[in-house]
Amino acid sequence: MKRDFVQKRLSEYVWEENGQVLALLSIGDTADVDAPGAFEVWRIYIDPAARGGGIGTKLLSFAEKQAREQGYTDMLIWAFRGNISALTFYQKHGYRVDKEEYMGQPYETYGVRLSKKL
């Protein structure tokens, strides 16, 4: 993540309330070679104490708006297969599983790619 910030490869946003950062959103072009020209949500991280209050929905809507404004028609999001709450959240917002693969180092788990036409 530090490398992404230093290289400014992605657009980074934070959600702040009362001077406290509660969430991070990273968005930009996908690196998936089988989905050229897609826009990707690289990360949505929300403080566990702030979950369930609508921040994730607002950040996801913002990301989709940014993608549409930049001319993208396809949106991608990766989540760990074991992260059922994330998978459920994205599916609730119209994303569908289109790929699953082993992620290797440093994750050593399976990832699930979800996609949505904008």
PDB file of N, CA and C in Angstrom:
ATOM      1  N   MET A   1       0.819  -1.171   0.000  1.00  0.00           N
ATOM      2  CA  MET A   1       0.000   0.000   0.000  1.00  0.00           C
ATOM      3  C   MET A   1       0.878   1.255   0.000  1.00  0.00           C
ATOM      4  N   LYS A   2       1.948   1.213   0.750  1.00  0.00           N
ATOM      5  CA  LYS A   2       2.841   2.369   0.783  1.00  0.00           C
ATOM      6  C   LYS A   2       3.366   2.693  -0.615  1.00  0.00           C
ATOM      7  N   ARG A   3       3.716   1.654  -1.385  1.00  0.00           N
ATOM      8  CA  ARG A   3       4.215   1.851  -2.743  1.00  0.00           C
ATOM      9  C   ARG A   3       3.151   2.533  -3.613  1.00  0.00           C
ATOM     10  N   ASP A   4       1.897   2.120  -3.463  1.00  0.00           N
ATOM     11  CA  ASP A   4       0.810   2.757  -4.217  1.00  0.00           C
ATOM     12  C   ASP A   4       0.728   4.245  -3.890  1.00  0.00           C
ATOM     13  N   PHE A   5       0.848   4.587  -2.628  1.00  0.00           N
ATOM     14  CA  PHE A   5       0.762   5.999  -2.231  1.00  0.00           C
ATOM     15  C   PHE A   5       1.929   6.801  -2.781  1.00  0.00           C
ATOM     16  N   VAL A   6       3.123   6.255  -2.674  1.00  0.00           N
ATOM     17  CA  VAL A   6       4.324   6.963  -3.138  1.00  0.00           C
ATOM     18  C   VAL A   6       4.296   7.139  -4.658  1.00  0.00           C
ATOM     19  N   GLN A   7       3.901   6.099  -5.377  1.00  0.00           N
ATOM     20  CA  GLN A   7       3.887   6.155  -6.836  1.00  0.00           C
ATOM     21  C   GLN A   7       2.671   6.889  -7.394  1.00  0.00           C
ATOM     22  N   LYS A   8       1.680   7.150  -6.532  1.00  0.00           N
ATOM     23  CA  LYS A   8       0.451   7.833  -6.953  1.00  0.00           C
ATOM     24  C   LYS A   8      -0.200   7.132  -8.141  1.00  0.00           C
ATOM     25  N   ARG A   9      -0.167   5.813  -8.094  1.00  0.00           N
ATOM     26  CA  ARG A   9      -0.744   4.978  -9.139  1.00  0.00           C
ATOM     27  C   ARG A   9      -2.268   5.009  -9.110  1.00  0.00           C
ATOM     28  N   LEU A  10      -2.817   5.191  -7.928  1.00  0.00           N
ATOM     29  CA  LEU A  10      -4.263   5.187  -7.738  1.00  0.00           C
ATOM     30  C   LEU A  10      -4.715   6.533  -7.179  1.00  0.00           C
ATOM     31  N   SER A  11      -6.003   6.767  -7.254  1.00  0.00           N
ATOM     32  CA  SER A  11      -6.589   7.930  -6.576  1.00  0.00           C
ATOM     33  C   SER A  11      -7.008   7.467  -5.192  1.00  0.00           C
ATOM     34  N   GLU A  12      -6.585   8.208  -4.189  1.00  0.00           N
ATOM     35  CA  GLU A  12      -6.819   7.826  -2.795  1.00  0.00           C
ATOM     36  C   GLU A  12      -7.732   8.851  -2.128  1.00  0.00           C
ATOM     37  N   TYR A  13      -8.698   8.359  -1.370  1.00  0.00           N
ATOM     38  CA  TYR A  13      -9.634   9.224  -0.661  1.00  0.00           C
ATOM     39  C   TYR A  13      -9.811   8.698   0.754  1.00  0.00           C
ATOM     40  N   VAL A  14     -10.077   9.592   1.676  1.00  0.00           N
ATOM     41  CA  VAL A  14     -10.390   9.187   3.045  1.00  0.00           C
ATOM     42  C   VAL A  14     -11.758   9.739   3.425  1.00  0.00           C
ATOM     43  N   TRP A  15     -12.413   9.022   4.307  1.00  0.00           N
ATOM     44  CA  TRP A  15     -13.673   9.470   4.901  1.00  0.00           C
ATOM     45  C   TRP A  15     -13.325   9.929   6.301  1.00  0.00           C
ATOM     46  N   GLU A  16     -13.639  11.176   6.592  1.00  0.00           N
ATOM     47  CA  GLU A  16     -13.277  11.755   7.881  1.00  0.00           C
ATOM     48  C   GLU A  16     -14.525  12.309   8.552  1.00  0.00           C
ATOM     49  N   GLU A  17     -14.631  12.067   9.833  1.00  0.00           N
ATOM     50  CA  GLU A  17     -15.707  12.633  10.646  1.00  0.00           C
ATOM     51  C   GLU A  17     -15.115  13.136  11.946  1.00  0.00           C
ATOM     52  N   ASN A  18     -15.427  14.358  12.286  1.00  0.00           N
ATOM     53  CA  ASN A  18     -14.959  14.968  13.543  1.00  0.00           C
ATOM     54  C   ASN A  18     -13.449  14.849  13.711  1.00  0.00           C
ATOM     55  N   GLY A  19     -12.728  15.063  12.621  1.00  0.00           N
ATOM     56  CA  GLY A  19     -11.273  15.040  12.667  1.00  0.00           C
ATOM     57  C   GLY A  19     -10.659  13.654  12.739  1.00  0.00           C
ATOM     58  N   GLN A  20     -11.466  12.617  12.604  1.00  0.00           N
ATOM     59  CA  GLN A  20     -10.965  11.245  12.664  1.00  0.00           C
ATOM     60  C   GLN A  20     -11.188  10.547  11.319  1.00  0.00           C
ATOM     61  N   VAL A  21     -10.131   9.949  10.784  1.00  0.00           N
ATOM     62  CA  VAL A  21     -10.249   9.193   9.539  1.00  0.00           C
ATOM     63  C   VAL A  21     -10.885   7.844   9.865  1.00  0.00           C
ATOM     64  N   LEU A  22     -12.004   7.570   9.185  1.00  0.00           N
ATOM     65  CA  LEU A  22     -12.737   6.336   9.433  1.00  0.00           C
ATOM     66  C   LEU A  22     -12.645   5.342   8.291  1.00  0.00           C
ATOM     67  N   ALA A  23     -12.238   5.807   7.093  1.00  0.00           N
ATOM     68  CA  ALA A  23     -12.206   4.892   5.954  1.00  0.00           C
ATOM     69  C   ALA A  23     -11.236   5.380   4.897  1.00  0.00           C
ATOM     70  N   LEU A  24     -10.811   4.434   4.066  1.00  0.00           N
ATOM     71  CA  LEU A  24      -9.909   4.702   2.952  1.00  0.00           C
ATOM     72  C   LEU A  24     -10.487   4.057   1.703  1.00  0.00           C
ATOM     73  N   LEU A  25     -10.445   4.796   0.591  1.00  0.00           N
ATOM     74  CA  LEU A  25     -10.874   4.299  -0.710  1.00  0.00           C
ATOM     75  C   LEU A  25      -9.735   4.505  -1.688  1.00  0.00           C
ATOM     76  N   SER A  26      -9.373   3.452  -2.425  1.00  0.00           N
ATOM     77  CA  SER A  26      -8.361   3.525  -3.480  1.00  0.00           C
ATOM     78  C   SER A  26      -8.994   3.040  -4.773  1.00  0.00           C
ATOM     79  N   ILE A  27      -8.919   3.868  -5.826  1.00  0.00           N
ATOM     80  CA  ILE A  27      -9.542   3.525  -7.097  1.00  0.00           C
ATOM     81  C   ILE A  27      -8.610   3.861  -8.253  1.00  0.00           C
ATOM     82  N   GLY A  28      -8.820   3.169  -9.374  1.00  0.00           N
ATOM     83  CA  GLY A  28      -8.035   3.454 -10.565  1.00  0.00           C
ATOM     84  C   GLY A  28      -8.159   2.349 -11.593  1.00  0.00           C
ATOM     85  N   ASP A  29      -7.343   2.438 -12.618  1.00  0.00           N
ATOM     86  CA  ASP A  29      -7.343   1.418 -13.668  1.00  0.00           C
ATOM     87  C   ASP A  29      -7.032   0.051 -13.080  1.00  0.00           C
ATOM     88  N   THR A  30      -7.652  -0.965 -13.650  1.00  0.00           N
ATOM     89  CA  THR A  30      -7.356  -2.327 -13.219  1.00  0.00           C
ATOM     90  C   THR A  30      -6.019  -2.786 -13.795  1.00  0.00           C
ATOM     91  N   ALA A  31      -5.427  -3.752 -13.134  1.00  0.00           N
ATOM     92  CA  ALA A  31      -4.222  -4.403 -13.652  1.00  0.00           C
ATOM     93  C   ALA A  31      -4.562  -5.763 -14.248  1.00  0.00           C
ATOM     94  N   ASP A  32      -5.846  -6.126 -14.245  1.00  0.00           N
ATOM     95  CA  ASP A  32      -6.273  -7.425 -14.752  1.00  0.00           C
ATOM     96  C   ASP A  32      -6.179  -7.439 -16.279  1.00  0.00           C
ATOM     97  N   VAL A  33      -5.328  -8.301 -16.804  1.00  0.00           N
ATOM     98  CA  VAL A  33      -5.111  -8.342 -18.257  1.00  0.00           C
ATOM     99  C   VAL A  33      -6.334  -8.859 -19.011  1.00  0.00           C
ATOM    100  N   ASP A  34      -7.215  -9.578 -18.335  1.00  0.00           N
ATOM    101  CA  ASP A  34      -8.413 -10.082 -18.996  1.00  0.00           C
ATOM    102  C   ASP A  34      -9.576  -9.091 -18.935  1.00  0.00           C
ATOM    103  N   ALA A  35      -9.325  -7.904 -18.396  1.00  0.00           N
ATOM    104  CA  ALA A  35     -10.366  -6.879 -18.308  1.00  0.00           C
ATOM    105  C   ALA A  35      -9.792  -5.505 -18.649  1.00  0.00           C
ATOM    106  N   PRO A  36      -9.164  -5.389 -19.817  1.00  0.00           N
ATOM    107  CA  PRO A  36      -8.550  -4.107 -20.164  1.00  0.00           C
ATOM    108  C   PRO A  36      -9.591  -2.994 -20.227  1.00  0.00           C
ATOM    109  N   GLY A  37      -9.210  -1.851 -19.718  1.00  0.00           N
ATOM    110  CA  GLY A  37     -10.103  -0.706 -19.766  1.00  0.00           C
ATOM    111  C   GLY A  37     -11.141  -0.668 -18.662  1.00  0.00           C
ATOM    112  N   ALA A  38     -11.044  -1.570 -17.687  1.00  0.00           N
ATOM    113  CA  ALA A  38     -11.990  -1.551 -16.569  1.00  0.00           C
ATOM    114  C   ALA A  38     -11.448  -0.651 -15.457  1.00  0.00           C
ATOM    115  N   PHE A  39     -12.343  -0.144 -14.664  1.00  0.00           N
ATOM    116  CA  PHE A  39     -12.011   0.665 -13.497  1.00  0.00           C
ATOM    117  C   PHE A  39     -12.123  -0.251 -12.285  1.00  0.00           C
ATOM    118  N   GLU A  40     -11.260  -0.052 -11.309  1.00  0.00           N
ATOM    119  CA  GLU A  40     -11.246  -0.976 -10.167  1.00  0.00           C
ATOM    120  C   GLU A  40     -11.258  -0.235  -8.843  1.00  0.00           C
ATOM    121  N   VAL A  41     -12.029  -0.772  -7.932  1.00  0.00           N
ATOM    122  CA  VAL A  41     -11.923  -0.381  -6.534  1.00  0.00           C
ATOM    123  C   VAL A  41     -10.837  -1.271  -5.950  1.00  0.00           C
ATOM    124  N   TRP A  42      -9.700  -0.694  -5.659  1.00  0.00           N
ATOM    125  CA  TRP A  42      -8.569  -1.462  -5.153  1.00  0.00           C
ATOM    126  C   TRP A  42      -8.700  -1.742  -3.661  1.00  0.00           C
ATOM    127  N   ARG A  43      -9.293  -0.811  -2.946  1.00  0.00           N
ATOM    128  CA  ARG A  43      -9.519  -1.068  -1.521  1.00  0.00           C
ATOM    129  C   ARG A  43     -10.577  -0.123  -0.978  1.00  0.00           C
ATOM    130  N   ILE A  44     -11.406  -0.681  -0.143  1.00  0.00           N
ATOM    131  CA  ILE A  44     -12.272   0.088   0.748  1.00  0.00           C
ATOM    132  C   ILE A  44     -11.999  -0.484   2.130  1.00  0.00           C
ATOM    133  N   TYR A  45     -11.371   0.295   2.967  1.00  0.00           N
ATOM    134  CA  TYR A  45     -11.102  -0.111   4.342  1.00  0.00           C
ATOM    135  C   TYR A  45     -11.885   0.820   5.251  1.00  0.00           C
ATOM    136  N   ILE A  46     -12.660   0.242   6.145  1.00  0.00           N
ATOM    137  CA  ILE A  46     -13.471   1.024   7.073  1.00  0.00           C
ATOM    138  C   ILE A  46     -13.150   0.574   8.492  1.00  0.00           C
ATOM    139  N   ASP A  47     -12.947   1.543   9.364  1.00  0.00           N
ATOM    140  CA  ASP A  47     -12.711   1.248  10.772  1.00  0.00           C
ATOM    141  C   ASP A  47     -13.856   0.353  11.263  1.00  0.00           C
ATOM    142  N   PRO A  48     -13.533  -0.769  11.905  1.00  0.00           N
ATOM    143  CA  PRO A  48     -14.593  -1.674  12.362  1.00  0.00           C
ATOM    144  C   PRO A  48     -15.668  -0.981  13.195  1.00  0.00           C
ATOM    145  N   ALA A  49     -15.292   0.005  13.984  1.00  0.00           N
ATOM    146  CA  ALA A  49     -16.271   0.710  14.815  1.00  0.00           C
ATOM    147  C   ALA A  49     -17.227   1.560  13.983  1.00  0.00           C
ATOM    148  N   ALA A  50     -16.870   1.859  12.732  1.00  0.00           N
ATOM    149  CA  ALA A  50     -17.699   2.713  11.875  1.00  0.00           C
ATOM    150  C   ALA A  50     -18.505   1.912  10.848  1.00  0.00           C
ATOM    151  N   ARG A  51     -18.362   0.614  10.848  1.00  0.00           N
ATOM    152  CA  ARG A  51     -19.075  -0.212   9.865  1.00  0.00           C
ATOM    153  C   ARG A  51     -20.572  -0.250  10.167  1.00  0.00           C
ATOM    154  N   GLY A  52     -21.345  -0.375   9.106  1.00  0.00           N
ATOM    155  CA  GLY A  52     -22.789  -0.448   9.261  1.00  0.00           C
ATOM    156  C   GLY A  52     -23.480   0.904   9.265  1.00  0.00           C
ATOM    157  N   GLY A  53     -22.713   1.968   9.111  1.00  0.00           N
ATOM    158  CA  GLY A  53     -23.294   3.313   9.132  1.00  0.00           C
ATOM    159  C   GLY A  53     -23.456   3.953   7.766  1.00  0.00           C
ATOM    160  N   GLY A  54     -23.214   3.193   6.698  1.00  0.00           N
ATOM    161  CA  GLY A  54     -23.427   3.716   5.353  1.00  0.00           C
ATOM    162  C   GLY A  54     -22.190   4.273   4.668  1.00  0.00           C
ATOM    163  N   ILE A  55     -21.065   4.281   5.348  1.00  0.00           N
ATOM    164  CA  ILE A  55     -19.846   4.826   4.739  1.00  0.00           C
ATOM    165  C   ILE A  55     -19.446   4.001   3.518  1.00  0.00           C
ATOM    166  N   GLY A  56     -19.480   2.691   3.620  1.00  0.00           N
ATOM    167  CA  GLY A  56     -19.101   1.834   2.499  1.00  0.00           C
ATOM    168  C   GLY A  56     -19.961   2.078   1.273  1.00  0.00           C
ATOM    169  N   THR A  57     -21.257   2.217   1.474  1.00  0.00           N
ATOM    170  CA  THR A  57     -22.172   2.476   0.368  1.00  0.00           C
ATOM    171  C   THR A  57     -21.855   3.818  -0.283  1.00  0.00           C
ATOM    172  N   LYS A  58     -21.591   4.825   0.522  1.00  0.00           N
ATOM    173  CA  LYS A  58     -21.264   6.149  -0.020  1.00  0.00           C
ATOM    174  C   LYS A  58     -19.946   6.121  -0.777  1.00  0.00           C
ATOM    175  N   LEU A  59     -18.944   5.413  -0.258  1.00  0.00           N
ATOM    176  CA  LEU A  59     -17.659   5.327  -0.951  1.00  0.00           C
ATOM    177  C   LEU A  59     -17.788   4.554  -2.260  1.00  0.00           C
ATOM    178  N   LEU A  60     -18.546   3.487  -2.253  1.00  0.00           N
ATOM    179  CA  LEU A  60     -18.747   2.705  -3.471  1.00  0.00           C
ATOM    180  C   LEU A  60     -19.490   3.531  -4.522  1.00  0.00           C
ATOM    181  N   SER A  61     -20.505   4.264  -4.111  1.00  0.00           N
ATOM    182  CA  SER A  61     -21.238   5.141  -5.039  1.00  0.00           C
ATOM    183  C   SER A  61     -20.316   6.213  -5.608  1.00  0.00           C
ATOM    184  N   PHE A  62     -19.465   6.772  -4.763  1.00  0.00           N
ATOM    185  CA  PHE A  62     -18.501   7.778  -5.216  1.00  0.00           C
ATOM    186  C   PHE A  62     -17.556   7.171  -6.253  1.00  0.00           C
ATOM    187  N   ALA A  63     -17.060   5.960  -5.991  1.00  0.00           N
ATOM    188  CA  ALA A  63     -16.144   5.298  -6.926  1.00  0.00           C
ATOM    189  C   ALA A  63     -16.826   5.059  -8.272  1.00  0.00           C
ATOM    190  N   GLU A  64     -18.056   4.608  -8.244  1.00  0.00           N
ATOM    191  CA  GLU A  64     -18.787   4.375  -9.490  1.00  0.00           C
ATOM    192  C   GLU A  64     -19.010   5.681 -10.245  1.00  0.00           C
ATOM    193  N   LYS A  65     -19.297   6.745  -9.525  1.00  0.00           N
ATOM    194  CA  LYS A  65     -19.483   8.057 -10.160  1.00  0.00           C
ATOM    195  C   LYS A  65     -18.184   8.515 -10.821  1.00  0.00           C
ATOM    196  N   GLN A  66     -17.077   8.349 -10.122  1.00  0.00           N
ATOM    197  CA  GLN A  66     -15.781   8.712 -10.692  1.00  0.00           C
ATOM    198  C   GLN A  66     -15.510   7.923 -11.970  1.00  0.00           C
ATOM    199  N   ALA A  67     -15.812   6.633 -11.936  1.00  0.00           N
ATOM    200  CA  ALA A  67     -15.590   5.779 -13.108  1.00  0.00           C
ATOM    201  C   ALA A  67     -16.433   6.254 -14.291  1.00  0.00           C
ATOM    202  N   ARG A  68     -17.709   6.499 -14.059  1.00  0.00           N
ATOM    203  CA  ARG A  68     -18.592   6.962 -15.144  1.00  0.00           C
ATOM    204  C   ARG A  68     -18.116   8.296 -15.700  1.00  0.00           C
ATOM    205  N   GLU A  69     -17.731   9.218 -14.823  1.00  0.00           N
ATOM    206  CA  GLU A  69     -17.273  10.538 -15.268  1.00  0.00           C
ATOM    207  C   GLU A  69     -16.001  10.446 -16.107  1.00  0.00           C
ATOM    208  N   GLN A  70     -15.223   9.398 -15.877  1.00  0.00           N
ATOM    209  CA  GLN A  70     -13.987   9.212 -16.636  1.00  0.00           C
ATOM    210  C   GLN A  70     -14.198   8.315 -17.866  1.00  0.00           C
ATOM    211  N   GLY A  71     -15.445   7.948 -18.133  1.00  0.00           N
ATOM    212  CA  GLY A  71     -15.766   7.201 -19.341  1.00  0.00           C
ATOM    213  C   GLY A  71     -15.690   5.692 -19.234  1.00  0.00           C
ATOM    214  N   TYR A  72     -15.557   5.159 -18.048  1.00  0.00           N
ATOM    215  CA  TYR A  72     -15.498   3.708 -17.868  1.00  0.00           C
ATOM    216  C   TYR A  72     -16.911   3.125 -17.895  1.00  0.00           C
ATOM    217  N   THR A  73     -17.018   1.891 -18.349  1.00  0.00           N
ATOM    218  CA  THR A  73     -18.307   1.201 -18.360  1.00  0.00           C
ATOM    219  C   THR A  73     -18.285  -0.082 -17.539  1.00  0.00           C
ATOM    220  N   ASP A  74     -17.103  -0.521 -17.133  1.00  0.00           N
ATOM    221  CA  ASP A  74     -16.958  -1.747 -16.342  1.00  0.00           C
ATOM    222  C   ASP A  74     -16.223  -1.455 -15.046  1.00  0.00           C
ATOM    223  N   MET A  75     -16.747  -1.996 -13.956  1.00  0.00           N
ATOM    224  CA  MET A  75     -16.162  -1.797 -12.636  1.00  0.00           C
ATOM    225  C   MET A  75     -15.798  -3.152 -12.059  1.00  0.00           C
ATOM    226  N   LEU A  76     -14.627  -3.245 -11.422  1.00  0.00           N
ATOM    227  CA  LEU A  76     -14.150  -4.481 -10.796  1.00  0.00           C
ATOM    228  C   LEU A  76     -13.815  -4.247  -9.340  1.00  0.00           C
ATOM    229  N   ILE A  77     -13.962  -5.292  -8.552  1.00  0.00           N
ATOM    230  CA  ILE A  77     -13.574  -5.285  -7.140  1.00  0.00           C
ATOM    231  C   ILE A  77     -13.116  -6.696  -6.795  1.00  0.00           C
ATOM    232  N   TRP A  78     -11.978  -6.806  -6.114  1.00  0.00           N
ATOM    233  CA  TRP A  78     -11.502  -8.090  -5.603  1.00  0.00           C
ATOM    234  C   TRP A  78     -11.742  -8.139  -4.099  1.00  0.00           C
ATOM    235  N   ALA A  79     -12.113  -9.322  -3.607  1.00  0.00           N
ATOM    236  CA  ALA A  79     -12.251  -9.555  -2.172  1.00  0.00           C
ATOM    237  C   ALA A  79     -11.733 -10.949  -1.867  1.00  0.00           C
ATOM    238  N   PHE A  80     -11.296 -11.157  -0.659  1.00  0.00           N
ATOM    239  CA  PHE A  80     -10.888 -12.500  -0.254  1.00  0.00           C
ATOM    240  C   PHE A  80     -12.129 -13.387  -0.189  1.00  0.00           C
ATOM    241  N   ARG A  81     -11.982 -14.621  -0.632  1.00  0.00           N
ATOM    242  CA  ARG A  81     -13.106 -15.557  -0.655  1.00  0.00           C
ATOM    243  C   ARG A  81     -13.718 -15.729   0.735  1.00  0.00           C
ATOM    244  N   GLY A  82     -12.908 -15.676   1.759  1.00  0.00           N
ATOM    245  CA  GLY A  82     -13.408 -15.843   3.122  1.00  0.00           C
ATOM    246  C   GLY A  82     -14.051 -14.602   3.714  1.00  0.00           C
ATOM    247  N   ASN A  83     -14.006 -13.483   3.013  1.00  0.00           N
ATOM    248  CA  ASN A  83     -14.583 -12.242   3.518  1.00  0.00           C
ATOM    249  C   ASN A  83     -16.054 -12.163   3.080  1.00  0.00           C
ATOM    250  N   ILE A  84     -16.867 -12.941   3.739  1.00  0.00           N
ATOM    251  CA  ILE A  84     -18.276 -13.066   3.364  1.00  0.00           C
ATOM    252  C   ILE A  84     -19.002 -11.732   3.467  1.00  0.00           C
ATOM    253  N   SER A  85     -18.686 -10.930   4.473  1.00  0.00           N
ATOM    254  CA  SER A  85     -19.382  -9.646   4.605  1.00  0.00           C
ATOM    255  C   SER A  85     -19.082  -8.734   3.414  1.00  0.00           C
ATOM    256  N   ALA A  86     -17.843  -8.715   2.926  1.00  0.00           N
ATOM    257  CA  ALA A  86     -17.509  -7.892   1.753  1.00  0.00           C
ATOM    258  C   ALA A  86     -18.209  -8.434   0.510  1.00  0.00           C
ATOM    259  N   LEU A  87     -18.168  -9.734   0.313  1.00  0.00           N
ATOM    260  CA  LEU A  87     -18.815 -10.326  -0.855  1.00  0.00           C
ATOM    261  C   LEU A  87     -20.314 -10.049  -0.850  1.00  0.00           C
ATOM    262  N   THR A  88     -20.933 -10.173   0.293  1.00  0.00           N
ATOM    263  CA  THR A  88     -22.369  -9.892   0.424  1.00  0.00           C
ATOM    264  C   THR A  88     -22.656  -8.425   0.138  1.00  0.00           C
ATOM    265  N   PHE A  89     -21.826  -7.542   0.676  1.00  0.00           N
ATOM    266  CA  PHE A  89     -21.988  -6.102   0.466  1.00  0.00           C
ATOM    267  C   PHE A  89     -21.931  -5.758  -1.024  1.00  0.00           C
ATOM    268  N   TYR A  90     -20.906  -6.245  -1.712  1.00  0.00           N
ATOM    269  CA  TYR A  90     -20.761  -5.922  -3.133  1.00  0.00           C
ATOM    270  C   TYR A  90     -21.897  -6.508  -3.958  1.00  0.00           C
ATOM    271  N   GLN A  91     -22.306  -7.736  -3.651  1.00  0.00           N
ATOM    272  CA  GLN A  91     -23.404  -8.345  -4.392  1.00  0.00           C
ATOM    273  C   GLN A  91     -24.704  -7.583  -4.158  1.00  0.00           C
ATOM    274  N   LYS A  92     -24.904  -7.080  -2.955  1.00  0.00           N
ATOM    275  CA  LYS A  92     -26.085  -6.273  -2.647  1.00  0.00           C
ATOM    276  C   LYS A  92     -26.123  -5.008  -3.517  1.00  0.00           C
ATOM    277  N   HIS A  93     -24.952  -4.547  -3.942  1.00  0.00           N
ATOM    278  CA  HIS A  93     -24.854  -3.339  -4.768  1.00  0.00           C
ATOM    279  C   HIS A  93     -24.722  -3.648  -6.261  1.00  0.00           C
ATOM    280  N   GLY A  94     -25.103  -4.858  -6.658  1.00  0.00           N
ATOM    281  CA  GLY A  94     -25.184  -5.197  -8.072  1.00  0.00           C
ATOM    282  C   GLY A  94     -23.958  -5.837  -8.683  1.00  0.00           C
ATOM    283  N   TYR A  95     -22.961  -6.150  -7.888  1.00  0.00           N
ATOM    284  CA  TYR A  95     -21.756  -6.804  -8.401  1.00  0.00           C
ATOM    285  C   TYR A  95     -21.981  -8.306  -8.447  1.00  0.00           C
ATOM    286  N   ARG A  96     -21.411  -8.935  -9.470  1.00  0.00           N
ATOM    287  CA  ARG A  96     -21.543 -10.375  -9.647  1.00  0.00           C
ATOM    288  C   ARG A  96     -20.165 -11.013  -9.732  1.00  0.00           C
ATOM    289  N   VAL A  97     -20.023 -12.175  -9.122  1.00  0.00           N
ATOM    290  CA  VAL A  97     -18.759 -12.905  -9.162  1.00  0.00           C
ATOM    291  C   VAL A  97     -18.483 -13.315 -10.607  1.00  0.00           C
ATOM    292  N   ASP A  98     -17.285 -13.002 -11.096  1.00  0.00           N
ATOM    293  CA  ASP A  98     -16.939 -13.428 -12.461  1.00  0.00           C
ATOM    294  C   ASP A  98     -15.615 -14.173 -12.538  1.00  0.00           C
ATOM    295  N   LYS A  99     -14.905 -14.264 -11.403  1.00  0.00           N
ATOM    296  CA  LYS A  99     -13.613 -14.950 -11.432  1.00  0.00           C
ATOM    297  C   LYS A  99     -13.193 -15.268  -9.993  1.00  0.00           C
ATOM    298  N   GLU A 100     -12.497 -16.395  -9.856  1.00  0.00           N
ATOM    299  CA  GLU A 100     -11.924 -16.759  -8.563  1.00  0.00           C
ATOM    300  C   GLU A 100     -10.561 -17.368  -8.835  1.00  0.00           C
ATOM    301  N   GLU A 101      -9.559 -16.949  -8.061  1.00  0.00           N
ATOM    302  CA  GLU A 101      -8.223 -17.520  -8.263  1.00  0.00           C
ATOM    303  C   GLU A 101      -7.392 -17.428  -6.992  1.00  0.00           C
ATOM    304  N   TYR A 102      -6.401 -18.311  -6.927  1.00  0.00           N
ATOM    305  CA  TYR A 102      -5.467 -18.312  -5.811  1.00  0.00           C
ATOM    306  C   TYR A 102      -4.543 -17.106  -5.958  1.00  0.00           C
ATOM    307  N   MET A 103      -4.365 -16.343  -4.876  1.00  0.00           N
ATOM    308  CA  MET A 103      -3.645 -15.079  -4.955  1.00  0.00           C
ATOM    309  C   MET A 103      -2.152 -15.186  -4.647  1.00  0.00           C
ATOM    310  N   GLY A 104      -1.694 -16.290  -4.102  1.00  0.00           N
ATOM    311  CA  GLY A 104      -0.266 -16.449  -3.845  1.00  0.00           C
ATOM    312  C   GLY A 104       0.262 -15.505  -2.777  1.00  0.00           C
ATOM    313  N   GLN A 105       1.574 -15.258  -2.819  1.00  0.00           N
ATOM    314  CA  GLN A 105       2.245 -14.393  -1.840  1.00  0.00           C
ATOM    315  C   GLN A 105       1.792 -12.952  -1.993  1.00  0.00           C
ATOM    316  N   PRO A 106       1.597 -12.200  -0.992  1.00  0.00           N
ATOM    317  CA  PRO A 106       1.713 -12.549   0.428  1.00  0.00           C
ATOM    318  C   PRO A 106       0.403 -13.048   1.040  1.00  0.00           C
ATOM    319  N   TYR A 107      -0.644 -13.194   0.222  1.00  0.00           N
ATOM    320  CA  TYR A 107      -1.985 -13.463   0.745  1.00  0.00           C
ATOM    321  C   TYR A 107      -2.224 -14.923   1.110  1.00  0.00           C
ATOM    322  N   GLU A 108      -1.752 -15.841   0.260  1.00  0.00           N
ATOM    323  CA  GLU A 108      -1.917 -17.278   0.503  1.00  0.00           C
ATOM    324  C   GLU A 108      -3.380 -17.656   0.722  1.00  0.00           C
ATOM    325  N   THR A 109      -4.251 -17.099  -0.083  1.00  0.00           N
ATOM    326  CA  THR A 109      -5.671 -17.416  -0.023  1.00  0.00           C
ATOM    327  C   THR A 109      -6.291 -17.186  -1.396  1.00  0.00           C
ATOM    328  N   TYR A 110      -7.557 -17.473  -1.516  1.00  0.00           N
ATOM    329  CA  TYR A 110      -8.257 -17.265  -2.778  1.00  0.00           C
ATOM    330  C   TYR A 110      -8.914 -15.893  -2.803  1.00  0.00           C
ATOM    331  N   GLY A 111      -8.896 -15.290  -3.967  1.00  0.00           N
ATOM    332  CA  GLY A 111      -9.577 -14.031  -4.192  1.00  0.00           C
ATOM    333  C   GLY A 111     -10.747 -14.234  -5.126  1.00  0.00           C
ATOM    334  N   VAL A 112     -11.748 -13.403  -4.958  1.00  0.00           N
ATOM    335  CA  VAL A 112     -12.939 -13.431  -5.792  1.00  0.00           C
ATOM    336  C   VAL A 112     -13.053 -12.066  -6.451  1.00  0.00           C
ATOM    337  N   ARG A 113     -13.163 -12.087  -7.789  1.00  0.00           N
ATOM    338  CA  ARG A 113     -13.366 -10.817  -8.499  1.00  0.00           C
ATOM    339  C   ARG A 113     -14.859 -10.666  -8.772  1.00  0.00           C
ATOM    340  N   LEU A 114     -15.346  -9.478  -8.484  1.00  0.00           N
ATOM    341  CA  LEU A 114     -16.730  -9.135  -8.766  1.00  0.00           C
ATOM    342  C   LEU A 114     -16.736  -8.027  -9.800  1.00  0.00           C
ATOM    343  N   SER A 115     -17.732  -8.031 -10.662  1.00  0.00           N
ATOM    344  CA  SER A 115     -17.788  -7.011 -11.709  1.00  0.00           C
ATOM    345  C   SER A 115     -19.209  -6.467 -11.831  1.00  0.00           C
ATOM    346  N   LYS A 116     -19.275  -5.282 -12.442  1.00  0.00           N
ATOM    347  CA  LYS A 116     -20.565  -4.622 -12.635  1.00  0.00           C
ATOM    348  C   LYS A 116     -20.457  -3.731 -13.870  1.00  0.00           C
ATOM    349  N   LYS A 117     -21.477  -3.746 -14.700  1.00  0.00           N
ATOM    350  CA  LYS A 117     -21.588  -2.800 -15.813  1.00  0.00           C
ATOM    351  C   LYS A 117     -22.158  -1.510 -15.243  1.00  0.00           C
ATOM    352  N   LEU A 118     -21.524  -0.412 -15.593  1.00  0.00           N
ATOM    353  CA  LEU A 118     -21.984   0.883 -15.093  1.00  0.00           C
ATOM    354  C   LEU A 118     -23.000   1.502 -16.025  1.00  0.00           C
TER     355      LEU A 118
END
